[in-house]
Amino acid sequence: MEDKATGIIKILYLDDEENNLQAFKATFRRDYKIFLAISAEEGRAILSKEEIDIIITDQRMPEETGVEFLASIIPVHPDPIRILLTGYTDIQAVIDSINKGQVYHYLTKPWEEDYLRTVIKNAFEIYTLRRENAKLTQELLKANDQLEFLLRQNLLS
């Protein structure tokens, strides 16, 4: 979720290269609340403590690919919007990311700052719309239950 106190988008950036993590943080730290993870395990630890809006992960990492990481967290963390980064044009990774990792967007490295900023903005809009849709659905279900209750009361009277 958007950080209520600051209104800042929370992003988890996962990459096995320290230089990439630091470059991302240096570029975007003024605009977003950035959480960095150098491994899938570290990424899961952050997700267990923080409500993250957007996850950006590198595809090629030693222990677990970005797609494997994203697919593995869906049962526990289905809400964050997922973005996959790779330095390679691997069509199978693109297909897997869409099918298994529920990836919103696929980018190649090196990322272009303005384009990535636009992707993040659009991803957060989708995140916000999904959250609002879920809230409205819950309100509609509650109102429907109340109407059914009132209808039963009227039928019994």
N, C-alpha and C. Protein backbone atom coordinates (compact mmCIF):
# COMPACT_ATOMS: atom_id res chain seq x y z
N MET A 1 0.82 -1.19 0.00
CA MET A 1 0.00 0.00 0.00
C MET A 1 0.86 1.25 0.00
N GLU A 2 0.27 2.32 -0.44
CA GLU A 2 0.96 3.60 -0.38
C GLU A 2 1.17 3.92 1.09
N ASP A 3 2.36 4.39 1.42
CA ASP A 3 2.67 4.74 2.80
C ASP A 3 1.75 5.87 3.23
N LYS A 4 0.85 5.58 4.18
CA LYS A 4 -0.18 6.54 4.60
C LYS A 4 0.43 7.83 5.16
N ALA A 5 1.50 7.70 5.90
CA ALA A 5 2.10 8.87 6.55
C ALA A 5 2.76 9.80 5.53
N THR A 6 3.43 9.23 4.54
CA THR A 6 4.20 10.07 3.62
C THR A 6 3.61 10.16 2.22
N GLY A 7 2.69 9.25 1.86
CA GLY A 7 2.15 9.25 0.51
C GLY A 7 3.16 8.78 -0.53
N ILE A 8 4.20 8.10 -0.09
CA ILE A 8 5.28 7.68 -0.99
C ILE A 8 5.08 6.22 -1.40
N ILE A 9 5.33 5.96 -2.68
CA ILE A 9 5.24 4.61 -3.22
C ILE A 9 6.41 3.79 -2.67
N LYS A 10 6.11 2.58 -2.21
CA LYS A 10 7.15 1.69 -1.67
C LYS A 10 7.54 0.67 -2.74
N ILE A 11 8.84 0.65 -3.05
CA ILE A 11 9.36 -0.23 -4.09
C ILE A 11 10.42 -1.16 -3.50
N LEU A 12 10.30 -2.45 -3.80
CA LEU A 12 11.34 -3.42 -3.49
C LEU A 12 12.10 -3.67 -4.78
N TYR A 13 13.42 -3.44 -4.75
CA TYR A 13 14.27 -3.69 -5.91
C TYR A 13 15.21 -4.83 -5.56
N LEU A 14 15.14 -5.90 -6.34
CA LEU A 14 15.90 -7.12 -6.09
C LEU A 14 16.88 -7.36 -7.23
N ASP A 15 18.17 -7.43 -6.88
CA ASP A 15 19.21 -7.64 -7.88
C ASP A 15 20.42 -8.23 -7.17
N ASP A 16 21.10 -9.17 -7.79
CA ASP A 16 22.27 -9.79 -7.15
C ASP A 16 23.54 -8.97 -7.34
N GLU A 17 23.45 -7.85 -8.04
CA GLU A 17 24.62 -6.99 -8.25
C GLU A 17 24.48 -5.72 -7.41
N GLU A 18 25.37 -5.57 -6.45
CA GLU A 18 25.35 -4.43 -5.53
C GLU A 18 25.35 -3.09 -6.26
N ASN A 19 26.13 -2.99 -7.35
CA ASN A 19 26.20 -1.73 -8.11
C ASN A 19 24.83 -1.33 -8.65
N ASN A 20 24.07 -2.31 -9.15
CA ASN A 20 22.74 -2.03 -9.68
C ASN A 20 21.80 -1.56 -8.57
N LEU A 21 21.90 -2.20 -7.41
CA LEU A 21 21.06 -1.80 -6.27
C LEU A 21 21.34 -0.35 -5.89
N GLN A 22 22.63 -0.01 -5.78
CA GLN A 22 22.99 1.35 -5.37
C GLN A 22 22.63 2.39 -6.43
N ALA A 23 22.77 2.03 -7.70
CA ALA A 23 22.41 2.96 -8.78
C ALA A 23 20.90 3.22 -8.75
N PHE A 24 20.11 2.17 -8.54
CA PHE A 24 18.66 2.33 -8.48
C PHE A 24 18.28 3.24 -7.31
N LYS A 25 18.86 2.95 -6.15
CA LYS A 25 18.53 3.75 -4.97
C LYS A 25 18.94 5.21 -5.16
N ALA A 26 20.13 5.44 -5.70
CA ALA A 26 20.60 6.81 -5.92
C ALA A 26 19.68 7.57 -6.88
N THR A 27 19.18 6.87 -7.87
CA THR A 27 18.32 7.50 -8.88
C THR A 27 16.93 7.82 -8.35
N PHE A 28 16.35 6.91 -7.57
CA PHE A 28 14.92 7.02 -7.24
C PHE A 28 14.60 7.31 -5.77
N ARG A 29 15.60 7.42 -4.91
CA ARG A 29 15.34 7.56 -3.47
C ARG A 29 14.57 8.82 -3.09
N ARG A 30 14.66 9.86 -3.91
CA ARG A 30 13.93 11.10 -3.59
C ARG A 30 12.44 10.99 -3.93
N ASP A 31 12.10 10.07 -4.84
CA ASP A 31 10.73 9.95 -5.31
C ASP A 31 9.94 8.82 -4.66
N TYR A 32 10.64 7.80 -4.22
CA TYR A 32 9.98 6.61 -3.69
C TYR A 32 10.70 6.12 -2.44
N LYS A 33 10.01 5.31 -1.65
CA LYS A 33 10.67 4.64 -0.52
C LYS A 33 11.22 3.34 -1.09
N ILE A 34 12.54 3.22 -1.09
CA ILE A 34 13.21 2.10 -1.74
C ILE A 34 13.69 1.08 -0.71
N PHE A 35 13.39 -0.18 -0.99
CA PHE A 35 13.91 -1.31 -0.22
C PHE A 35 14.75 -2.13 -1.17
N LEU A 36 15.99 -2.45 -0.76
CA LEU A 36 16.91 -3.19 -1.62
C LEU A 36 17.13 -4.59 -1.07
N ALA A 37 17.20 -5.56 -2.00
CA ALA A 37 17.50 -6.94 -1.62
C ALA A 37 18.49 -7.50 -2.63
N ILE A 38 19.53 -8.16 -2.12
CA ILE A 38 20.56 -8.73 -3.00
C ILE A 38 20.28 -10.21 -3.30
N SER A 39 19.24 -10.77 -2.65
CA SER A 39 18.88 -12.17 -2.89
C SER A 39 17.37 -12.33 -2.71
N ALA A 40 16.85 -13.44 -3.23
CA ALA A 40 15.42 -13.73 -3.09
C ALA A 40 15.06 -13.87 -1.61
N GLU A 41 15.94 -14.49 -0.84
CA GLU A 41 15.71 -14.67 0.60
C GLU A 41 15.56 -13.31 1.29
N GLU A 42 16.44 -12.38 0.95
CA GLU A 42 16.38 -11.03 1.52
C GLU A 42 15.09 -10.32 1.07
N GLY A 43 14.70 -10.54 -0.18
CA GLY A 43 13.46 -9.97 -0.69
C GLY A 43 12.25 -10.45 0.09
N ARG A 44 12.20 -11.76 0.36
CA ARG A 44 11.09 -12.32 1.14
C ARG A 44 11.06 -11.74 2.56
N ALA A 45 12.24 -11.55 3.15
CA ALA A 45 12.32 -10.98 4.50
C ALA A 45 11.72 -9.57 4.52
N ILE A 46 12.04 -8.78 3.52
CA ILE A 46 11.49 -7.42 3.43
C ILE A 46 9.98 -7.48 3.25
N LEU A 47 9.51 -8.35 2.36
CA LEU A 47 8.07 -8.48 2.11
C LEU A 47 7.31 -8.91 3.37
N SER A 48 7.97 -9.67 4.24
CA SER A 48 7.29 -10.12 5.46
C SER A 48 7.12 -8.98 6.46
N LYS A 49 7.90 -7.90 6.30
CA LYS A 49 7.85 -6.78 7.26
C LYS A 49 7.20 -5.52 6.69
N GLU A 50 7.23 -5.36 5.38
CA GLU A 50 6.78 -4.12 4.75
C GLU A 50 5.63 -4.38 3.77
N GLU A 51 4.74 -3.42 3.65
CA GLU A 51 3.70 -3.47 2.61
C GLU A 51 4.27 -2.79 1.38
N ILE A 52 4.68 -3.59 0.42
CA ILE A 52 5.34 -3.11 -0.79
C ILE A 52 4.30 -2.94 -1.90
N ASP A 53 4.42 -1.83 -2.64
CA ASP A 53 3.49 -1.55 -3.74
C ASP A 53 3.97 -2.16 -5.06
N ILE A 54 5.28 -2.03 -5.31
CA ILE A 54 5.85 -2.46 -6.59
C ILE A 54 7.13 -3.25 -6.32
N ILE A 55 7.27 -4.38 -7.02
CA ILE A 55 8.49 -5.18 -6.93
C ILE A 55 9.17 -5.14 -8.29
N ILE A 56 10.44 -4.76 -8.29
CA ILE A 56 11.25 -4.78 -9.51
C ILE A 56 12.37 -5.78 -9.24
N THR A 57 12.48 -6.78 -10.10
CA THR A 57 13.52 -7.79 -9.88
C THR A 57 14.29 -8.09 -11.16
N ASP A 58 15.57 -8.36 -10.97
CA ASP A 58 16.42 -8.83 -12.06
C ASP A 58 16.02 -10.27 -12.36
N GLN A 59 16.11 -10.69 -13.62
CA GLN A 59 15.78 -12.06 -13.98
C GLN A 59 16.90 -13.03 -13.64
N ARG A 60 18.12 -12.68 -14.02
CA ARG A 60 19.24 -13.63 -13.86
C ARG A 60 19.95 -13.41 -12.54
N MET A 61 19.68 -14.32 -11.62
CA MET A 61 20.36 -14.29 -10.31
C MET A 61 20.81 -15.71 -9.99
N PRO A 62 21.81 -15.87 -9.13
CA PRO A 62 22.41 -17.19 -8.91
C PRO A 62 21.48 -18.26 -8.33
N GLU A 63 20.79 -17.97 -7.22
CA GLU A 63 20.01 -19.03 -6.56
C GLU A 63 18.62 -19.22 -7.17
N GLU A 64 18.02 -18.13 -7.62
CA GLU A 64 16.63 -18.16 -8.04
C GLU A 64 16.44 -17.07 -9.09
N THR A 65 15.77 -17.38 -10.19
CA THR A 65 15.53 -16.33 -11.20
C THR A 65 14.47 -15.36 -10.67
N GLY A 66 14.40 -14.22 -11.33
CA GLY A 66 13.37 -13.24 -10.96
C GLY A 66 11.98 -13.82 -11.11
N VAL A 67 11.73 -14.57 -12.18
CA VAL A 67 10.41 -15.18 -12.39
C VAL A 67 10.10 -16.17 -11.28
N GLU A 68 11.08 -17.00 -10.91
CA GLU A 68 10.85 -17.97 -9.83
C GLU A 68 10.52 -17.25 -8.53
N PHE A 69 11.24 -16.17 -8.24
CA PHE A 69 10.97 -15.38 -7.03
C PHE A 69 9.55 -14.83 -7.07
N LEU A 70 9.19 -14.19 -8.17
CA LEU A 70 7.86 -13.58 -8.28
C LEU A 70 6.75 -14.62 -8.17
N ALA A 71 6.93 -15.75 -8.84
CA ALA A 71 5.92 -16.81 -8.77
C ALA A 71 5.79 -17.36 -7.34
N SER A 72 6.91 -17.46 -6.64
CA SER A 72 6.89 -18.05 -5.30
C SER A 72 6.19 -17.17 -4.26
N ILE A 73 6.16 -15.86 -4.49
CA ILE A 73 5.57 -14.97 -3.48
C ILE A 73 4.09 -14.68 -3.72
N ILE A 74 3.56 -15.07 -4.88
CA ILE A 74 2.16 -14.77 -5.20
C ILE A 74 1.18 -15.26 -4.13
N PRO A 75 1.31 -16.50 -3.60
CA PRO A 75 0.33 -16.94 -2.60
C PRO A 75 0.28 -16.07 -1.34
N VAL A 76 1.42 -15.52 -0.92
CA VAL A 76 1.48 -14.73 0.31
C VAL A 76 1.37 -13.23 0.03
N HIS A 77 1.92 -12.80 -1.10
CA HIS A 77 1.95 -11.37 -1.44
C HIS A 77 1.41 -11.16 -2.87
N PRO A 78 0.09 -11.32 -3.05
CA PRO A 78 -0.47 -11.23 -4.40
C PRO A 78 -0.62 -9.80 -4.93
N ASP A 79 -0.60 -8.80 -4.06
CA ASP A 79 -0.97 -7.45 -4.46
C ASP A 79 0.10 -6.61 -5.15
N PRO A 80 1.38 -6.67 -4.75
CA PRO A 80 2.34 -5.78 -5.40
C PRO A 80 2.39 -6.00 -6.91
N ILE A 81 2.56 -4.90 -7.63
CA ILE A 81 2.73 -4.97 -9.08
C ILE A 81 4.17 -5.40 -9.34
N ARG A 82 4.35 -6.28 -10.33
CA ARG A 82 5.65 -6.90 -10.59
C ARG A 82 6.26 -6.41 -11.90
N ILE A 83 7.54 -6.06 -11.83
CA ILE A 83 8.28 -5.61 -13.01
C ILE A 83 9.57 -6.44 -13.09
N LEU A 84 9.85 -6.99 -14.26
CA LEU A 84 11.03 -7.84 -14.44
C LEU A 84 12.07 -7.10 -15.28
N LEU A 85 13.32 -7.11 -14.81
CA LEU A 85 14.45 -6.49 -15.52
C LEU A 85 15.41 -7.59 -15.95
N THR A 86 15.95 -7.46 -17.13
CA THR A 86 16.99 -8.39 -17.52
C THR A 86 17.96 -7.73 -18.49
N GLY A 87 19.19 -8.18 -18.43
CA GLY A 87 20.21 -7.69 -19.35
C GLY A 87 20.21 -8.49 -20.64
N TYR A 88 19.37 -9.49 -20.70
CA TYR A 88 19.34 -10.38 -21.85
C TYR A 88 17.95 -10.36 -22.48
N THR A 89 17.91 -10.50 -23.78
CA THR A 89 16.62 -10.61 -24.44
C THR A 89 16.32 -12.10 -24.56
N ASP A 90 15.64 -12.60 -23.57
CA ASP A 90 15.32 -14.02 -23.47
C ASP A 90 13.81 -14.17 -23.57
N ILE A 91 13.33 -14.60 -24.75
CA ILE A 91 11.89 -14.65 -24.99
C ILE A 91 11.20 -15.62 -24.02
N GLN A 92 11.87 -16.70 -23.64
CA GLN A 92 11.26 -17.64 -22.70
C GLN A 92 11.07 -16.98 -21.33
N ALA A 93 12.01 -16.14 -20.93
CA ALA A 93 11.87 -15.41 -19.66
C ALA A 93 10.67 -14.47 -19.72
N VAL A 94 10.48 -13.85 -20.87
CA VAL A 94 9.33 -12.95 -21.03
C VAL A 94 8.03 -13.75 -20.89
N ILE A 95 7.95 -14.88 -21.58
CA ILE A 95 6.74 -15.71 -21.54
C ILE A 95 6.51 -16.22 -20.12
N ASP A 96 7.56 -16.74 -19.48
CA ASP A 96 7.44 -17.24 -18.11
C ASP A 96 7.02 -16.14 -17.15
N SER A 97 7.58 -14.93 -17.35
CA SER A 97 7.27 -13.84 -16.43
C SER A 97 5.79 -13.48 -16.49
N ILE A 98 5.24 -13.52 -17.67
CA ILE A 98 3.82 -13.20 -17.82
C ILE A 98 2.95 -14.33 -17.27
N ASN A 99 3.29 -15.55 -17.62
CA ASN A 99 2.46 -16.69 -17.22
C ASN A 99 2.62 -17.11 -15.77
N LYS A 100 3.85 -17.17 -15.28
CA LYS A 100 4.10 -17.69 -13.94
C LYS A 100 4.23 -16.59 -12.89
N GLY A 101 4.88 -15.51 -13.25
CA GLY A 101 5.18 -14.47 -12.26
C GLY A 101 4.20 -13.32 -12.23
N GLN A 102 3.16 -13.38 -13.09
CA GLN A 102 2.16 -12.31 -13.16
C GLN A 102 2.83 -10.94 -13.27
N VAL A 103 3.74 -10.83 -14.23
CA VAL A 103 4.53 -9.61 -14.40
C VAL A 103 3.74 -8.58 -15.19
N TYR A 104 3.72 -7.37 -14.68
CA TYR A 104 3.04 -6.25 -15.34
C TYR A 104 3.86 -5.73 -16.51
N HIS A 105 5.18 -5.63 -16.32
CA HIS A 105 6.02 -5.04 -17.36
C HIS A 105 7.39 -5.71 -17.37
N TYR A 106 7.98 -5.78 -18.53
CA TYR A 106 9.28 -6.41 -18.74
C TYR A 106 10.22 -5.35 -19.33
N LEU A 107 11.37 -5.14 -18.70
CA LEU A 107 12.33 -4.13 -19.17
C LEU A 107 13.70 -4.75 -19.36
N THR A 108 14.46 -4.22 -20.31
CA THR A 108 15.83 -4.68 -20.48
C THR A 108 16.78 -3.70 -19.80
N LYS A 109 17.91 -4.25 -19.35
CA LYS A 109 18.97 -3.43 -18.76
C LYS A 109 19.88 -2.96 -19.87
N PRO A 110 20.54 -1.85 -19.73
CA PRO A 110 20.35 -0.91 -18.62
C PRO A 110 19.04 -0.16 -18.79
N TRP A 111 18.35 0.08 -17.67
CA TRP A 111 17.08 0.79 -17.75
C TRP A 111 17.31 2.26 -18.01
N GLU A 112 16.32 2.86 -18.65
CA GLU A 112 16.37 4.30 -18.96
C GLU A 112 15.52 4.98 -17.89
N GLU A 113 16.09 5.94 -17.19
CA GLU A 113 15.46 6.54 -16.02
C GLU A 113 14.05 7.06 -16.26
N ASP A 114 13.86 7.88 -17.28
CA ASP A 114 12.53 8.47 -17.51
C ASP A 114 11.50 7.40 -17.87
N TYR A 115 11.93 6.43 -18.67
CA TYR A 115 11.00 5.36 -19.05
C TYR A 115 10.62 4.52 -17.83
N LEU A 116 11.60 4.17 -17.00
CA LEU A 116 11.32 3.38 -15.79
C LEU A 116 10.42 4.16 -14.84
N ARG A 117 10.63 5.46 -14.74
CA ARG A 117 9.79 6.31 -13.91
C ARG A 117 8.33 6.26 -14.40
N THR A 118 8.14 6.30 -15.71
CA THR A 118 6.78 6.20 -16.29
C THR A 118 6.17 4.84 -16.02
N VAL A 119 6.96 3.78 -16.16
CA VAL A 119 6.47 2.43 -15.88
C VAL A 119 6.04 2.32 -14.41
N ILE A 120 6.84 2.87 -13.50
CA ILE A 120 6.50 2.84 -12.07
C ILE A 120 5.21 3.61 -11.82
N LYS A 121 5.08 4.78 -12.42
CA LYS A 121 3.87 5.60 -12.25
C LYS A 121 2.64 4.83 -12.73
N ASN A 122 2.73 4.22 -13.92
CA ASN A 122 1.61 3.46 -14.46
C ASN A 122 1.31 2.22 -13.62
N ALA A 123 2.35 1.56 -13.15
CA ALA A 123 2.17 0.38 -12.29
C ALA A 123 1.44 0.75 -11.01
N PHE A 124 1.80 1.90 -10.43
CA PHE A 124 1.16 2.32 -9.19
C PHE A 124 -0.30 2.70 -9.43
N GLU A 125 -0.60 3.26 -10.59
CA GLU A 125 -2.00 3.55 -10.92
C GLU A 125 -2.81 2.27 -10.96
N ILE A 126 -2.25 1.24 -11.56
CA ILE A 126 -2.95 -0.06 -11.61
C ILE A 126 -3.10 -0.62 -10.20
N TYR A 127 -2.04 -0.54 -9.39
CA TYR A 127 -2.09 -1.01 -8.01
C TYR A 127 -3.22 -0.30 -7.25
N THR A 128 -3.29 1.02 -7.41
CA THR A 128 -4.30 1.82 -6.71
C THR A 128 -5.70 1.45 -7.19
N LEU A 129 -5.87 1.28 -8.50
CA LEU A 129 -7.18 0.90 -9.04
C LEU A 129 -7.60 -0.48 -8.54
N ARG A 130 -6.68 -1.42 -8.50
CA ARG A 130 -7.00 -2.77 -7.99
C ARG A 130 -7.42 -2.71 -6.53
N ARG A 131 -6.70 -1.91 -5.75
CA ARG A 131 -7.00 -1.77 -4.32
C ARG A 131 -8.38 -1.14 -4.14
N GLU A 132 -8.67 -0.10 -4.91
CA GLU A 132 -9.97 0.57 -4.83
C GLU A 132 -11.09 -0.37 -5.28
N ASN A 133 -10.83 -1.15 -6.33
CA ASN A 133 -11.81 -2.11 -6.82
C ASN A 133 -12.13 -3.15 -5.75
N ALA A 134 -11.11 -3.65 -5.07
CA ALA A 134 -11.31 -4.64 -4.00
C ALA A 134 -12.14 -4.04 -2.86
N LYS A 135 -11.85 -2.78 -2.52
CA LYS A 135 -12.59 -2.09 -1.46
C LYS A 135 -14.06 -1.93 -1.85
N LEU A 136 -14.30 -1.50 -3.08
CA LEU A 136 -15.68 -1.31 -3.55
C LEU A 136 -16.43 -2.64 -3.62
N THR A 137 -15.73 -3.69 -4.02
CA THR A 137 -16.35 -5.02 -4.06
C THR A 137 -16.78 -5.46 -2.67
N GLN A 138 -15.91 -5.23 -1.68
CA GLN A 138 -16.25 -5.59 -0.30
C GLN A 138 -17.46 -4.79 0.19
N GLU A 139 -17.49 -3.49 -0.13
CA GLU A 139 -18.62 -2.66 0.27
C GLU A 139 -19.91 -3.13 -0.40
N LEU A 140 -19.82 -3.52 -1.66
CA LEU A 140 -20.99 -4.02 -2.39
C LEU A 140 -21.49 -5.33 -1.78
N LEU A 141 -20.58 -6.23 -1.44
CA LEU A 141 -20.98 -7.50 -0.82
C LEU A 141 -21.65 -7.25 0.53
N LYS A 142 -21.12 -6.32 1.30
CA LYS A 142 -21.71 -5.99 2.60
C LYS A 142 -23.11 -5.40 2.42
N ALA A 143 -23.25 -4.48 1.47
CA ALA A 143 -24.56 -3.87 1.20
C ALA A 143 -25.55 -4.93 0.73
N ASN A 144 -25.08 -5.86 -0.10
CA ASN A 144 -25.94 -6.94 -0.58
C ASN A 144 -26.42 -7.83 0.57
N ASP A 145 -25.50 -8.16 1.49
CA ASP A 145 -25.88 -8.95 2.68
C ASP A 145 -26.92 -8.22 3.50
N GLN A 146 -26.75 -6.91 3.67
CA GLN A 146 -27.71 -6.13 4.45
C GLN A 146 -29.08 -6.09 3.78
N LEU A 147 -29.09 -5.97 2.46
CA LEU A 147 -30.36 -5.96 1.73
C LEU A 147 -31.06 -7.31 1.84
N GLU A 148 -30.29 -8.39 1.72
CA GLU A 148 -30.89 -9.73 1.86
C GLU A 148 -31.48 -9.90 3.25
N PHE A 149 -30.79 -9.42 4.27
CA PHE A 149 -31.28 -9.51 5.64
C PHE A 149 -32.60 -8.74 5.78
N LEU A 150 -32.64 -7.52 5.26
CA LEU A 150 -33.86 -6.70 5.33
C LEU A 150 -35.00 -7.36 4.55
N LEU A 151 -34.70 -7.93 3.41
CA LEU A 151 -35.72 -8.61 2.61
C LEU A 151 -36.29 -9.80 3.37
N ARG A 152 -35.41 -10.58 4.01
CA ARG A 152 -35.89 -11.72 4.82
C ARG A 152 -36.76 -11.25 5.97
N GLN A 153 -36.34 -10.15 6.62
CA GLN A 153 -37.12 -9.60 7.73
C GLN A 153 -38.51 -9.19 7.26
N ASN A 154 -38.58 -8.55 6.09
CA ASN A 154 -39.87 -8.11 5.54
C ASN A 154 -40.75 -9.29 5.14
N LEU A 155 -40.12 -10.36 4.63
CA LEU A 155 -40.89 -11.53 4.24
C LEU A 155 -41.45 -12.27 5.45
N LEU A 156 -40.71 -12.20 6.57
CA LEU A 156 -41.15 -12.90 7.78
C LEU A 156 -42.22 -12.11 8.55
N SER A 157 -42.33 -10.82 8.31
CA SER A 157 -43.27 -10.00 9.06
C SER A 157 -44.70 -10.14 8.57
